[in-house]
N, C-alpha and C. Protein backbone atom coordinates (compact mmCIF):
# COMPACT_ATOMS: atom_id res chain seq x y z
N UNK A 1 41.02 29.69 93.44
CA UNK A 1 41.64 29.38 92.17
C UNK A 1 42.90 28.56 92.43
N UNK A 2 42.88 27.28 92.16
CA UNK A 2 44.08 26.47 92.38
C UNK A 2 45.11 26.64 91.27
N UNK A 3 46.36 26.67 91.69
CA UNK A 3 47.48 26.67 90.77
C UNK A 3 48.19 25.33 90.93
N UNK A 4 48.40 24.65 89.82
CA UNK A 4 49.14 23.39 89.83
C UNK A 4 50.47 23.67 89.15
N UNK A 5 51.54 23.60 89.92
CA UNK A 5 52.87 23.94 89.40
C UNK A 5 53.64 22.64 89.15
N UNK A 6 54.14 22.51 87.92
CA UNK A 6 54.89 21.33 87.53
C UNK A 6 56.29 21.78 87.13
N UNK A 7 57.28 21.29 87.87
CA UNK A 7 58.68 21.59 87.57
C UNK A 7 59.27 20.37 86.90
N UNK A 8 59.92 20.58 85.75
CA UNK A 8 60.45 19.47 85.00
C UNK A 8 61.63 19.90 84.16
N UNK A 9 62.43 18.90 83.76
CA UNK A 9 63.51 19.19 82.83
C UNK A 9 62.92 19.69 81.52
N UNK A 10 63.57 20.65 80.90
CA UNK A 10 63.07 21.14 79.62
C UNK A 10 63.15 20.03 78.59
N UNK A 11 62.33 20.14 77.57
CA UNK A 11 62.36 19.15 76.50
C UNK A 11 60.99 18.62 76.11
N UNK A 12 59.97 18.85 76.95
CA UNK A 12 58.62 18.40 76.58
C UNK A 12 58.05 19.37 75.56
N UNK A 13 57.25 18.84 74.65
CA UNK A 13 56.63 19.69 73.63
C UNK A 13 55.40 20.38 74.20
N UNK A 14 54.97 21.46 73.55
CA UNK A 14 53.72 22.09 73.98
C UNK A 14 52.54 21.11 73.94
N UNK A 15 52.56 20.20 72.99
CA UNK A 15 51.48 19.22 72.88
C UNK A 15 51.48 18.27 74.09
N UNK A 16 52.66 17.83 74.51
CA UNK A 16 52.75 16.95 75.69
C UNK A 16 52.24 17.67 76.93
N UNK A 17 52.61 18.93 77.07
CA UNK A 17 52.17 19.71 78.23
C UNK A 17 50.65 19.89 78.21
N UNK A 18 50.10 20.12 77.04
CA UNK A 18 48.66 20.31 76.92
C UNK A 18 47.91 19.04 77.33
N UNK A 19 48.42 17.87 76.94
CA UNK A 19 47.78 16.61 77.30
C UNK A 19 47.77 16.43 78.81
N UNK A 20 48.90 16.70 79.46
CA UNK A 20 48.99 16.55 80.92
C UNK A 20 48.10 17.58 81.61
N UNK A 21 48.13 18.81 81.14
CA UNK A 21 47.29 19.85 81.74
C UNK A 21 45.82 19.48 81.66
N UNK A 22 45.39 18.95 80.51
CA UNK A 22 44.00 18.54 80.36
C UNK A 22 43.64 17.43 81.34
N UNK A 23 44.53 16.46 81.51
CA UNK A 23 44.27 15.35 82.45
C UNK A 23 44.13 15.87 83.88
N UNK A 24 44.98 16.81 84.26
CA UNK A 24 44.92 17.39 85.60
C UNK A 24 43.62 18.14 85.80
N UNK A 25 43.27 18.97 84.83
CA UNK A 25 42.04 19.76 84.91
C UNK A 25 40.83 18.83 84.95
N UNK A 26 40.83 17.81 84.11
CA UNK A 26 39.72 16.84 84.10
C UNK A 26 39.57 16.18 85.47
N UNK A 27 40.69 15.75 86.07
CA UNK A 27 40.63 15.07 87.36
C UNK A 27 40.13 16.00 88.46
N UNK A 28 40.60 17.22 88.47
CA UNK A 28 40.17 18.16 89.51
C UNK A 28 38.69 18.48 89.36
N UNK A 29 38.24 18.60 88.13
CA UNK A 29 36.83 18.87 87.88
C UNK A 29 35.98 17.66 88.26
N UNK A 30 36.41 16.47 87.87
CA UNK A 30 35.67 15.24 88.15
C UNK A 30 35.44 15.04 89.65
N UNK A 31 36.42 15.40 90.45
CA UNK A 31 36.33 15.20 91.90
C UNK A 31 35.85 16.44 92.64
N UNK A 32 35.27 17.38 91.88
CA UNK A 32 34.71 18.62 92.45
C UNK A 32 35.72 19.38 93.31
N UNK A 33 36.98 19.30 92.90
CA UNK A 33 38.03 20.02 93.63
C UNK A 33 37.99 21.50 93.29
N UNK A 34 37.70 21.79 92.02
CA UNK A 34 37.62 23.18 91.55
C UNK A 34 36.90 23.19 90.21
N UNK A 35 36.41 24.36 89.83
CA UNK A 35 35.78 24.48 88.52
C UNK A 35 36.86 24.56 87.45
N UNK A 36 36.54 24.02 86.29
CA UNK A 36 37.51 23.94 85.20
C UNK A 36 38.13 25.30 84.89
N UNK A 37 37.30 26.32 84.85
CA UNK A 37 37.80 27.64 84.44
C UNK A 37 38.65 28.33 85.52
N UNK A 38 38.69 27.76 86.72
CA UNK A 38 39.49 28.39 87.78
C UNK A 38 40.87 27.76 87.94
N UNK A 39 41.11 26.64 87.27
CA UNK A 39 42.37 25.90 87.45
C UNK A 39 43.44 26.43 86.51
N UNK A 40 44.61 26.65 87.07
CA UNK A 40 45.76 27.11 86.28
C UNK A 40 46.88 26.08 86.43
N UNK A 41 47.37 25.56 85.31
CA UNK A 41 48.49 24.62 85.32
C UNK A 41 49.71 25.37 84.80
N UNK A 42 50.75 25.40 85.61
CA UNK A 42 51.96 26.17 85.29
C UNK A 42 53.13 25.21 85.13
N UNK A 43 53.79 25.28 84.01
CA UNK A 43 54.97 24.46 83.76
C UNK A 43 56.21 25.31 83.92
N UNK A 44 57.14 24.82 84.71
CA UNK A 44 58.43 25.49 84.90
C UNK A 44 59.51 24.57 84.34
N UNK A 45 60.03 24.92 83.18
CA UNK A 45 61.08 24.11 82.55
C UNK A 45 62.43 24.48 83.14
N UNK A 46 63.19 23.45 83.50
CA UNK A 46 64.53 23.65 84.04
C UNK A 46 65.55 23.15 83.02
N UNK A 47 66.61 23.90 82.85
CA UNK A 47 67.68 23.45 81.98
C UNK A 47 68.37 22.25 82.61
N UNK A 48 68.85 21.32 81.80
CA UNK A 48 69.47 20.11 82.36
C UNK A 48 70.59 20.41 83.36
N UNK A 49 71.35 21.47 83.14
CA UNK A 49 72.45 21.78 84.07
C UNK A 49 71.96 22.31 85.42
N UNK A 50 70.66 22.60 85.51
CA UNK A 50 70.08 23.07 86.76
C UNK A 50 69.30 21.98 87.48
N UNK A 51 69.46 20.74 87.05
CA UNK A 51 68.72 19.62 87.61
C UNK A 51 69.72 18.50 87.88
N UNK A 52 69.98 18.22 89.13
CA UNK A 52 71.00 17.24 89.49
C UNK A 52 70.38 16.16 90.37
N UNK A 53 70.64 14.92 90.02
CA UNK A 53 70.19 13.78 90.83
C UNK A 53 71.43 13.11 91.45
N UNK A 54 71.18 12.20 92.36
CA UNK A 54 72.27 11.46 92.97
C UNK A 54 73.06 10.68 91.91
N UNK A 55 72.36 10.14 90.92
CA UNK A 55 73.05 9.41 89.85
C UNK A 55 73.99 10.33 89.09
N UNK A 56 73.61 11.58 88.89
CA UNK A 56 74.48 12.54 88.20
C UNK A 56 75.77 12.74 89.00
N UNK A 57 75.66 12.81 90.31
CA UNK A 57 76.83 13.02 91.16
C UNK A 57 77.75 11.79 91.17
N UNK A 58 77.14 10.61 91.09
CA UNK A 58 77.92 9.37 91.12
C UNK A 58 78.75 9.18 89.85
N UNK A 59 78.30 9.77 88.76
CA UNK A 59 79.00 9.61 87.48
C UNK A 59 80.27 10.45 87.41
N UNK A 60 80.43 11.40 88.28
CA UNK A 60 81.57 12.33 88.18
C UNK A 60 82.74 11.89 89.01
């Protein structure tokens, strides 16, 4: 049973997540990587203050 974990800044809608999850599941199924019913897509939303890039550091 594959787990696909996606970490991202919070702010995406449930509809956006569903579209991406479907694309991932479709691709894994198409390439016989796993059966559709065994794939789990997990979204981990991060608050903006918990996500820092080099550009964020340069601005301070």
